[in-house]
Amino acid sequence: MTSASDTPRRPRRPSWAGRNYSLLTLAAFLTSGGSQAALIASAFAVLGAGGDGGDVGLVAAARTVPLVLFLLIGGAVADRLPRHRVMVAANALNCLSQGVFAVLVLTGSPQLWQMMLLTALGGTGQAFFSPAAEGMLLSSVEGEHAGRAFAVFRMAMQGAALGGAAAGGALVAAVGPGWVLAADAVAFALAGALRSFLDVRHIPPRAPGGGILADLREGWREFVSRPWLWGIVAQFSVANAVVGAADAVYGPLVARDHLGGAGPWGLALGFFGAGTVAGALLMTRFKPRRLLLAGTLCVFPLALPSAALAVPVPLGVLCAVMFTTGVTLEVFGVSWMTALHQEIPEEKLSRVSAYDWFGSVALVPVAMAMAGPAESAFGRTASLWGCAALVVAVTAAVLCVPDVRRLRRRTKTVAAGGAEGSADAERPVGRHG
């Protein structure tokens, strides 16, 4: 008879969820929820201070501009310095900027320039944080469980973002935007504290080399040497820009004129968020062999929301479209992270991630600024159909890149002699050395 003490204890977490991975996931959960609520709070803080829709746009743009300007430098710094220190410093800057923003809102009427400056500081922090965080996450998992680990991470992050967005409006109405901004500052402080405990001993120290410009050139060579990498980043430069314009500019207008206002549009966005959570859950089990082919095929539905708004379809159909789009987009997201983890050398992860981030956000402000003139010139319906057509066109174009179709997931097998080998006999796409 076996006693209770002899019974093996079930591990509290999967074997692939190591210490670093668990800390990163918990920290991302905290900041994702807080940041989504803070986006709503900052908009209402601007309106509460007497601003209008244009002022809300200026504050939002103030965050995007330094993000674009400093991303590449942030990637080089993150590959030069210990990544966890870069992340903690960025979290401290975000905590400080949101904390001061909260104090200004709670104690009086903040000036527009003050809100823009504080938001710009937050964007600067994100520019340094994002490449370091992605590099740290990609280096925190290994082997065949990487795809599942990335899926669980994204599920936690997307779930927190969905909850933060849902709670943001209610909290602003209940306690005011200042307290929501203060809660976001606390979330950044807690996340920074968690990230300070990350263990980076497994990451080999960088050998002395050139300066920041040399690091950027080396990262650029790594980036352009892989057609699948720069091809998909170019694809998303266009796709993110037009989808962002459709969601931020045209979506609320269509909701006002045809769906019943802000409430139905918020519901549709909530279905998109629920779809991303469901997609991440799906990817804990689904392991496509051809990573980028499967992921890229799942980008085509990204054109559906713009097409649905162009018709426009009833709210129930729009919610179904948004949910489906969220699911398929997460299939791409997890496949993309798995490909980066598999193909990019560890010491260059942050710089490559910086070029990825830069390409993904660089055209968003341009598309936002052009959305209004495009509507005046071509009409809202034609502009939305144009957004859908561009997504389809750039996605079809990137499928013409052979490496996008050919890159395969690699798994480890144990050979007869006991050594590890690759189950995939093909040469890794784009790997040099």
Protein backbone atom coordinates (compact mmCIF):
# COMPACT_ATOMS: atom_id res chain seq x y z
CA MET A 1 0.00 0.00 0.00
CA THR A 2 1.34 3.42 -0.96
CA SER A 3 1.21 6.21 1.57
CA ALA A 4 0.26 9.75 0.67
CA SER A 5 3.84 10.85 1.15
CA ASP A 6 5.02 8.25 -1.39
CA THR A 7 2.65 9.45 -4.08
CA PRO A 8 4.56 11.58 -6.58
CA ARG A 9 3.41 15.15 -6.55
CA ARG A 10 2.00 16.57 -9.74
CA PRO A 11 4.17 19.47 -10.92
CA ARG A 12 2.59 22.86 -10.41
CA ARG A 13 3.49 23.96 -13.93
CA PRO A 14 4.50 22.27 -17.18
CA SER A 15 8.15 21.39 -17.67
CA TRP A 16 8.47 23.99 -20.45
CA ALA A 17 7.20 26.81 -18.21
CA GLY A 18 10.48 27.67 -16.53
CA ARG A 19 11.15 30.42 -14.04
CA ASN A 20 11.88 33.14 -16.58
CA TYR A 21 8.90 32.20 -18.72
CA SER A 22 6.55 32.25 -15.72
CA LEU A 23 7.80 35.65 -14.54
CA LEU A 24 7.49 37.11 -18.04
CA THR A 25 3.96 35.77 -18.47
CA LEU A 26 2.73 37.10 -15.12
CA ALA A 27 4.32 40.50 -15.74
CA ALA A 28 2.81 40.73 -19.23
CA PHE A 29 -0.60 39.81 -17.80
CA LEU A 30 -0.40 42.73 -15.37
CA THR A 31 0.72 45.35 -17.86
CA SER A 32 -1.57 44.23 -20.70
CA GLY A 33 -4.70 44.62 -18.61
CA GLY A 34 -3.58 47.91 -17.09
CA SER A 35 -2.51 49.42 -20.40
CA GLN A 36 -5.79 48.62 -22.14
CA ALA A 37 -7.76 50.26 -19.34
CA ALA A 38 -5.36 53.22 -19.39
CA LEU A 39 -5.94 53.80 -23.13
CA ILE A 40 -9.60 54.47 -22.37
CA ALA A 41 -8.74 56.50 -19.28
CA SER A 42 -6.29 58.76 -21.11
CA ALA A 43 -8.88 59.57 -23.80
CA PHE A 44 -11.46 60.53 -21.18
CA ALA A 45 -8.84 62.49 -19.26
CA VAL A 46 -8.25 64.61 -22.36
CA LEU A 47 -11.98 65.10 -22.87
CA GLY A 48 -12.48 65.85 -19.19
CA ALA A 49 -9.85 68.58 -19.40
CA GLY A 50 -11.86 70.32 -22.13
CA GLY A 51 -10.21 68.71 -25.16
CA ASP A 52 -11.94 67.45 -28.27
CA GLY A 53 -11.46 64.52 -30.62
CA GLY A 54 -8.50 66.22 -32.28
CA ASP A 55 -6.77 66.59 -28.92
CA VAL A 56 -7.34 62.90 -28.20
CA GLY A 57 -5.65 62.13 -31.51
CA LEU A 58 -2.70 64.38 -30.66
CA VAL A 59 -2.13 62.60 -27.35
CA ALA A 60 -2.33 59.22 -29.10
CA ALA A 61 0.12 60.37 -31.78
CA ALA A 62 2.50 61.62 -29.10
CA ARG A 63 2.95 58.02 -28.03
CA THR A 64 3.45 56.64 -31.53
CA VAL A 65 6.10 59.08 -32.75
CA PRO A 66 8.82 58.28 -30.16
CA LEU A 67 7.92 54.60 -30.47
CA VAL A 68 8.84 54.72 -34.16
CA LEU A 69 11.90 56.92 -33.62
CA PHE A 70 13.54 54.88 -30.86
CA LEU A 71 12.61 51.27 -31.69
CA LEU A 72 15.76 50.46 -33.62
CA ILE A 73 18.00 52.00 -30.96
CA GLY A 74 16.05 50.07 -28.34
CA GLY A 75 16.74 46.82 -30.16
CA ALA A 76 20.47 47.51 -30.34
CA VAL A 77 20.59 48.46 -26.65
CA ALA A 78 18.69 45.30 -25.66
CA ASP A 79 21.24 43.08 -27.45
CA ARG A 80 24.12 45.03 -25.89
CA LEU A 81 22.95 45.26 -22.26
CA PRO A 82 21.27 42.62 -20.09
CA ARG A 83 17.72 42.54 -21.43
CA HIS A 84 16.05 42.33 -18.05
CA ARG A 85 17.70 45.60 -16.98
CA VAL A 86 16.41 47.34 -20.11
CA MET A 87 12.93 45.99 -19.39
CA VAL A 88 12.98 47.11 -15.75
CA ALA A 89 14.22 50.59 -16.70
CA ALA A 90 11.48 50.91 -19.33
CA ASN A 91 8.85 49.77 -16.82
CA ALA A 92 10.14 52.37 -14.35
CA LEU A 93 9.78 55.10 -16.99
CA ASN A 94 6.22 53.94 -17.80
CA CYS A 95 5.36 53.82 -14.10
CA LEU A 96 6.69 57.34 -13.58
CA SER A 97 4.94 58.85 -16.60
CA GLN A 98 1.58 57.22 -15.82
CA GLY A 99 1.91 58.13 -12.14
CA VAL A 100 2.50 61.81 -12.92
CA PHE A 101 -0.35 61.74 -15.46
CA ALA A 102 -2.63 60.30 -12.77
CA VAL A 103 -1.62 62.97 -10.23
CA LEU A 104 -2.28 65.76 -12.74
CA VAL A 105 -5.73 64.38 -13.53
CA LEU A 106 -6.64 63.82 -9.87
CA THR A 107 -5.47 67.22 -8.67
CA GLY A 108 -6.75 69.47 -11.40
CA SER A 109 -6.96 70.06 -15.12
CA PRO A 110 -3.84 68.89 -16.94
CA GLN A 111 -2.64 70.88 -19.91
CA LEU A 112 -2.60 69.32 -23.36
CA TRP A 113 1.17 69.70 -23.68
CA GLN A 114 1.66 67.95 -20.34
CA MET A 115 -0.44 64.98 -21.41
CA MET A 116 1.38 64.79 -24.74
CA LEU A 117 4.78 64.90 -23.03
CA LEU A 118 3.88 62.18 -20.52
CA THR A 119 2.40 60.01 -23.23
CA ALA A 120 5.55 60.50 -25.33
CA LEU A 121 7.64 59.29 -22.38
CA GLY A 122 5.46 56.20 -22.25
CA GLY A 123 6.03 55.60 -25.97
CA THR A 124 9.78 55.99 -25.45
CA GLY A 125 9.68 53.39 -22.70
CA GLN A 126 7.80 50.99 -24.97
CA ALA A 127 10.35 51.52 -27.76
CA PHE A 128 13.11 50.20 -25.50
CA PHE A 129 10.95 47.63 -23.76
CA SER A 130 9.39 45.80 -26.71
CA PRO A 131 12.57 44.49 -28.45
CA ALA A 132 14.10 43.52 -25.10
CA ALA A 133 10.92 41.76 -23.99
CA GLU A 134 10.53 39.81 -27.21
CA GLY A 135 14.18 38.77 -27.17
CA MET A 136 13.89 37.70 -23.53
CA LEU A 137 10.72 35.71 -24.15
CA LEU A 138 12.13 33.96 -27.22
CA SER A 139 15.23 32.94 -25.24
CA SER A 140 13.20 31.69 -22.25
CA VAL A 141 11.83 28.57 -23.97
CA GLU A 142 13.43 25.87 -26.04
CA GLY A 143 12.74 22.75 -28.04
CA GLU A 144 9.50 21.33 -29.34
CA HIS A 145 7.34 23.02 -26.70
CA ALA A 146 8.18 26.55 -27.89
CA GLY A 147 4.99 26.93 -29.94
CA ARG A 148 2.80 25.89 -27.02
CA ALA A 149 4.68 28.22 -24.67
CA PHE A 150 4.19 31.19 -27.00
CA ALA A 151 0.50 30.32 -27.38
CA VAL A 152 -0.05 30.25 -23.60
CA PHE A 153 1.86 33.53 -23.23
CA ARG A 154 -0.25 35.22 -25.88
CA MET A 155 -3.43 33.76 -24.40
CA ALA A 156 -2.59 35.28 -21.01
CA MET A 157 -1.70 38.62 -22.58
CA GLN A 158 -4.75 38.76 -24.86
CA GLY A 159 -7.05 37.65 -22.06
CA ALA A 160 -5.73 40.39 -19.81
CA ALA A 161 -6.09 42.95 -22.60
CA LEU A 162 -9.68 41.84 -23.18
CA GLY A 163 -10.47 42.13 -19.50
CA GLY A 164 -8.74 45.50 -19.25
CA ALA A 165 -10.67 46.88 -22.20
CA ALA A 166 -13.95 45.61 -20.78
CA ALA A 167 -13.24 46.98 -17.31
CA GLY A 168 -11.68 50.25 -18.46
CA GLY A 169 -14.87 52.04 -19.39
CA ALA A 170 -16.71 50.87 -16.27
CA LEU A 171 -13.84 51.91 -14.00
CA VAL A 172 -13.54 55.33 -15.63
CA ALA A 173 -17.27 55.86 -15.08
CA ALA A 174 -17.11 54.59 -11.49
CA VAL A 175 -13.92 56.15 -10.10
CA GLY A 176 -12.68 58.51 -12.83
CA PRO A 177 -9.77 58.32 -15.27
CA GLY A 178 -7.16 59.48 -12.75
CA TRP A 179 -7.49 56.38 -10.57
CA VAL A 180 -7.37 54.09 -13.59
CA LEU A 181 -4.12 55.73 -14.68
CA ALA A 182 -2.79 55.33 -11.14
CA ALA A 183 -3.66 51.62 -11.22
CA ASP A 184 -1.74 51.29 -14.49
CA ALA A 185 1.29 52.91 -12.86
CA VAL A 186 1.09 50.35 -10.04
CA ALA A 187 0.85 47.53 -12.62
CA PHE A 188 4.06 48.75 -14.27
CA ALA A 189 5.78 48.90 -10.87
CA LEU A 190 4.76 45.34 -10.02
CA ALA A 191 5.76 44.08 -13.48
CA GLY A 192 9.14 45.78 -13.21
CA ALA A 193 9.70 44.15 -9.83
CA LEU A 194 8.90 40.72 -11.28
CA ARG A 195 11.19 41.26 -14.25
CA SER A 196 14.07 42.24 -11.97
CA PHE A 197 14.19 38.58 -10.84
CA LEU A 198 14.78 37.23 -14.35
CA ASP A 199 17.82 34.98 -14.64
CA VAL A 200 20.08 35.86 -17.59
CA ARG A 201 22.99 33.58 -16.79
CA HIS A 202 22.07 31.33 -19.73
CA ILE A 203 22.62 34.22 -22.15
CA PRO A 204 26.30 34.47 -23.13
CA PRO A 205 27.85 37.92 -22.61
CA ARG A 206 28.34 40.05 -25.70
CA ALA A 207 31.90 40.26 -26.93
CA PRO A 208 33.26 43.82 -27.14
CA GLY A 209 32.53 45.25 -30.56
CA GLY A 210 31.51 48.40 -32.33
CA GLY A 211 29.01 51.00 -31.23
CA ILE A 212 25.26 51.29 -31.60
CA LEU A 213 25.48 52.02 -35.33
CA ALA A 214 27.58 48.90 -35.90
CA ASP A 215 25.03 46.86 -33.97
CA LEU A 216 22.21 48.30 -36.07
CA ARG A 217 24.07 47.46 -39.28
CA GLU A 218 24.64 43.91 -38.07
CA GLY A 219 20.96 43.58 -37.19
CA TRP A 220 20.00 44.96 -40.59
CA ARG A 221 22.18 42.39 -42.36
CA GLU A 222 20.52 39.66 -40.32
CA PHE A 223 17.10 41.07 -41.21
CA VAL A 224 17.57 41.47 -44.99
CA SER A 225 19.36 38.13 -45.38
CA ARG A 226 16.06 36.32 -44.80
CA PRO A 227 13.43 36.98 -47.49
CA TRP A 228 10.68 35.39 -45.38
CA LEU A 229 11.46 37.83 -42.56
CA TRP A 230 11.54 41.13 -44.43
CA GLY A 231 8.74 39.98 -46.74
CA ILE A 232 6.29 39.40 -43.90
CA VAL A 233 7.35 42.58 -42.09
CA ALA A 234 6.69 44.54 -45.30
CA GLN A 235 3.32 42.80 -45.59
CA PHE A 236 2.32 43.84 -42.08
CA SER A 237 3.60 47.38 -42.58
CA VAL A 238 0.72 47.83 -45.01
CA ALA A 239 -1.81 45.51 -43.34
CA ASN A 240 -1.42 47.03 -39.86
CA ALA A 241 -1.68 50.53 -41.28
CA VAL A 242 -4.89 50.06 -43.24
CA VAL A 243 -6.56 47.86 -40.61
CA GLY A 244 -5.63 50.37 -37.92
CA ALA A 245 -7.20 53.18 -39.96
CA ALA A 246 -10.34 51.12 -40.59
CA ASP A 247 -10.77 50.23 -36.92
CA ALA A 248 -9.86 53.58 -35.41
CA VAL A 249 -11.43 55.96 -37.92
CA TYR A 250 -14.04 54.26 -40.09
CA GLY A 251 -15.32 51.69 -37.60
CA PRO A 252 -16.72 54.20 -35.07
CA LEU A 253 -18.31 56.21 -37.92
CA VAL A 254 -20.04 53.15 -39.37
CA ALA A 255 -21.18 52.16 -35.88
CA ARG A 256 -22.63 55.64 -35.32
CA ASP A 257 -24.49 55.71 -38.63
CA HIS A 258 -25.63 52.08 -39.00
CA LEU A 259 -25.12 49.98 -35.85
CA GLY A 260 -26.41 52.13 -33.02
CA GLY A 261 -23.34 53.89 -31.66
CA ALA A 262 -20.34 53.21 -29.46
CA GLY A 263 -21.89 50.31 -27.52
CA PRO A 264 -22.29 47.96 -30.50
CA TRP A 265 -18.83 48.87 -31.79
CA GLY A 266 -17.34 48.10 -28.38
CA LEU A 267 -19.15 44.75 -28.44
CA ALA A 268 -17.67 43.94 -31.85
CA LEU A 269 -14.17 44.78 -30.62
CA GLY A 270 -14.81 42.60 -27.59
CA PHE A 271 -15.60 39.67 -29.90
CA PHE A 272 -12.30 40.28 -31.68
CA GLY A 273 -10.51 40.13 -28.34
CA ALA A 274 -12.32 36.92 -27.44
CA GLY A 275 -11.26 35.49 -30.79
CA THR A 276 -7.59 36.18 -30.05
CA VAL A 277 -7.89 34.30 -26.76
CA ALA A 278 -9.59 31.39 -28.52
CA GLY A 279 -6.93 31.43 -31.24
CA ALA A 280 -4.13 31.28 -28.69
CA LEU A 281 -5.90 28.38 -26.97
CA LEU A 282 -6.14 26.60 -30.34
CA MET A 283 -2.41 27.04 -30.89
CA THR A 284 -1.58 25.18 -27.69
CA ARG A 285 -2.62 22.06 -29.65
CA PHE A 286 -2.27 22.97 -33.33
CA LYS A 287 1.29 22.65 -34.63
CA PRO A 288 1.36 23.39 -38.36
CA ARG A 289 4.30 21.79 -40.14
CA ARG A 290 4.85 24.70 -42.51
CA LEU A 291 4.84 27.51 -40.00
CA LEU A 292 4.72 30.58 -42.19
CA LEU A 293 2.52 29.10 -44.90
CA ALA A 294 -0.18 28.27 -42.35
CA GLY A 295 0.26 31.59 -40.60
CA THR A 296 0.14 33.68 -43.76
CA LEU A 297 -2.96 31.93 -45.07
CA CYS A 298 -4.61 32.92 -41.79
CA VAL A 299 -3.89 36.61 -42.49
CA PHE A 300 -6.38 36.74 -45.38
CA PRO A 301 -9.38 36.98 -42.97
CA LEU A 302 -7.87 40.22 -41.68
CA ALA A 303 -9.58 41.81 -44.70
CA LEU A 304 -13.03 40.69 -43.53
CA PRO A 305 -13.75 43.40 -40.91
CA SER A 306 -13.11 46.20 -43.41
CA ALA A 307 -15.32 44.44 -45.96
CA ALA A 308 -18.05 43.91 -43.35
CA LEU A 309 -17.97 47.60 -42.44
CA ALA A 310 -18.11 48.56 -46.12
CA VAL A 311 -21.38 46.64 -46.71
CA PRO A 312 -22.28 47.28 -43.76
CA VAL A 313 -23.44 43.98 -42.24
CA PRO A 314 -25.73 43.60 -39.19
CA LEU A 315 -24.12 43.64 -35.76
CA GLY A 316 -24.39 39.87 -35.25
CA VAL A 317 -22.57 39.17 -38.49
CA LEU A 318 -19.92 41.78 -37.67
CA CYS A 319 -19.30 40.17 -34.27
CA ALA A 320 -18.89 36.76 -35.93
CA VAL A 321 -16.45 38.25 -38.44
CA MET A 322 -14.43 39.95 -35.69
CA PHE A 323 -14.25 36.73 -33.65
CA THR A 324 -13.08 34.72 -36.65
CA THR A 325 -10.47 37.33 -37.49
CA GLY A 326 -9.14 37.25 -33.93
CA VAL A 327 -8.79 33.46 -34.03
CA THR A 328 -6.93 33.37 -37.35
CA LEU A 329 -4.67 36.29 -36.46
CA GLU A 330 -3.45 34.42 -33.38
CA VAL A 331 -2.59 31.42 -35.55
CA PHE A 332 -0.28 33.74 -37.45
CA GLY A 333 1.06 35.37 -34.27
CA VAL A 334 2.12 32.14 -32.60
CA SER A 335 3.54 30.74 -35.86
CA TRP A 336 5.54 33.92 -36.36
CA MET A 337 7.04 33.84 -32.86
CA THR A 338 7.91 30.17 -33.29
CA ALA A 339 9.68 30.92 -36.59
CA LEU A 340 11.70 33.74 -35.02
CA HIS A 341 12.64 31.51 -32.08
CA GLN A 342 13.73 28.74 -34.44
CA GLU A 343 15.63 30.75 -37.06
CA ILE A 344 17.21 33.84 -35.44
CA PRO A 345 20.45 33.57 -33.41
CA GLU A 346 19.85 34.37 -29.73
CA GLU A 347 22.35 37.22 -29.59
CA LYS A 348 20.50 39.04 -32.41
CA LEU A 349 16.91 38.47 -31.31
CA SER A 350 16.25 41.95 -29.96
CA ARG A 351 17.67 43.77 -32.97
CA VAL A 352 15.66 41.63 -35.38
CA SER A 353 12.58 42.15 -33.21
CA ALA A 354 13.19 45.90 -33.36
CA TYR A 355 13.16 45.87 -37.17
CA ASP A 356 10.00 43.75 -37.00
CA TRP A 357 8.31 46.21 -34.63
CA PHE A 358 9.50 49.21 -36.62
CA GLY A 359 8.08 47.85 -39.86
CA SER A 360 4.82 46.95 -38.16
CA VAL A 361 4.10 50.44 -36.76
CA ALA A 362 5.92 52.85 -39.07
CA LEU A 363 3.03 53.39 -41.50
CA VAL A 364 0.24 53.43 -38.89
CA PRO A 365 0.42 57.22 -38.22
CA VAL A 366 0.48 57.88 -41.98
CA ALA A 367 -2.62 55.75 -42.55
CA MET A 368 -4.42 57.42 -39.65
CA ALA A 369 -3.66 60.85 -41.10
CA MET A 370 -4.76 59.79 -44.60
CA ALA A 371 -8.02 58.15 -43.53
CA GLY A 372 -9.98 61.40 -43.47
CA PRO A 373 -8.73 62.72 -46.83
CA ALA A 374 -9.32 59.30 -48.41
CA GLU A 375 -12.93 59.32 -47.21
CA SER A 376 -13.42 62.81 -48.64
CA ALA A 377 -11.90 61.83 -51.97
CA PHE A 378 -13.35 58.36 -52.52
CA GLY A 379 -16.12 57.95 -49.96
CA ARG A 380 -16.18 55.79 -46.84
CA THR A 381 -17.41 52.63 -48.55
CA ALA A 382 -14.78 52.74 -51.28
CA SER A 383 -12.06 53.49 -48.70
CA LEU A 384 -13.05 50.45 -46.65
CA TRP A 385 -13.08 48.21 -49.72
CA GLY A 386 -9.64 49.62 -50.53
CA CYS A 387 -8.41 48.62 -47.05
CA ALA A 388 -9.71 45.07 -47.57
CA ALA A 389 -8.17 44.85 -51.04
CA LEU A 390 -4.76 46.00 -49.80
CA VAL A 391 -4.71 43.33 -47.08
CA VAL A 392 -5.52 40.63 -49.65
CA ALA A 393 -2.97 41.99 -52.14
CA VAL A 394 0.02 42.18 -49.78
CA THR A 395 -0.81 38.78 -48.26
CA ALA A 396 -1.01 37.16 -51.68
CA ALA A 397 2.26 38.85 -52.63
CA VAL A 398 4.17 37.50 -49.65
CA LEU A 399 3.06 33.96 -50.55
CA CYS A 400 5.17 34.39 -53.70
CA VAL A 401 8.30 34.32 -51.51
CA PRO A 402 9.52 30.69 -51.66
CA ASP A 403 10.89 30.68 -48.10
CA VAL A 404 7.47 31.67 -46.73
CA ARG A 405 5.98 28.54 -48.30
CA ARG A 406 8.89 26.25 -47.44
CA LEU A 407 9.98 27.06 -43.89
CA ARG A 408 9.23 24.05 -41.72
CA ARG A 409 8.89 23.50 -38.01
CA ARG A 410 11.91 21.60 -36.74
CA THR A 411 11.56 19.00 -33.99
CA LYS A 412 14.21 17.16 -32.05
CA THR A 413 14.59 13.40 -32.23
CA VAL A 414 17.01 11.09 -30.48
CA ALA A 415 19.24 9.22 -32.90
CA ALA A 416 20.35 5.63 -32.41
CA GLY A 417 23.62 6.75 -30.89
CA GLY A 418 21.84 8.88 -28.34
CA ALA A 419 22.60 12.23 -29.92
CA GLU A 420 19.94 14.77 -30.75
CA GLY A 421 19.18 15.41 -34.40
CA SER A 422 16.65 17.21 -36.53
CA ALA A 423 13.54 15.35 -37.59
CA ASP A 424 13.37 17.63 -40.60
CA ALA A 425 16.00 16.82 -43.21
CA GLU A 426 15.59 20.12 -45.05
CA ARG A 427 18.15 22.85 -44.56
CA PRO A 428 16.73 25.56 -42.26
CA VAL A 429 15.43 28.40 -44.43
CA GLY A 430 17.58 31.52 -44.16
CA ARG A 431 20.02 30.07 -41.62
CA HIS A 432 23.61 31.10 -42.21
CA GLY A 433 26.82 30.14 -40.51
